[in-house]
Amino acid sequence: MEIKEAKFLMSNTDWQKCPKPNLPEYAFIGRSNVGKSSLINMLTGRKTLAKVSGTPGKTLLINHFGIDDKWYLADLPGYGYAKVSKKTRTQFHNFTLQYLHHRPNLMCTFVLIDSRIKPQKIDLSFMEYCGEKKIPFVMIFTKMDKLNQREKKENIEAYQESLAEQWATLPPMFYSSAETAFGRDEILDFIEETNSLF
């Protein structure tokens, strides 16, 4: 898939005010500071489409982008650590879950995982929640360029073992680097194939 146009559409906290659900949609979510904005910019080929910040928890709204007038990309608030009050954190956790439950055109949620660290309870719990609620998702391991071959193998296997404790069948997994564009074609091909199911 070649992306010719990617444009910001809107930000809000209410799934009912999201763009008209007339196109397939893909949500991106992950623990704060997982590299979500960088990955979105890499996939779309736009350096500043999603705002990249060194401060974890900067995305506090559901940000929608239109891609070639063919599909929507939704950038969701990160879960976990964020320099905001507990009340604010609870609020955007709640509206994110409302979005995931009710958005009728949501084809798949990309759960981003930092490939450099061992399995985190917060990631495993979120994926377990998606499984229980039948929210379709796949995993994207980010920052793969930061690891050597041995570390990649060990960290991925650790995740597979952790998931195997809860899952009979493991969710699909993609591997990426925003720095080198590694994994870009595979992820976009998956989106293109899934669009045909809409």
Foldseek 3Di string as FASTA:
>chain_A
DAFDDKAWDDWDLALVPPPDLPAAEEEEEEAWPLCRQLLVCLLNVHRPRDPDDPFTQPDLTFIWMQTPVHYIYTYATYADDHPDDPVSNVSSVVSVVVNLLPSPRHLEYEYEAALQDADDPVSLVVVVVCVVSVRHYAYEHEPPVVDDPVSNVVRVVRVVVVVVVPDVDDGHYFYAYSVVSPRSVVVVVVVVVSRVVD
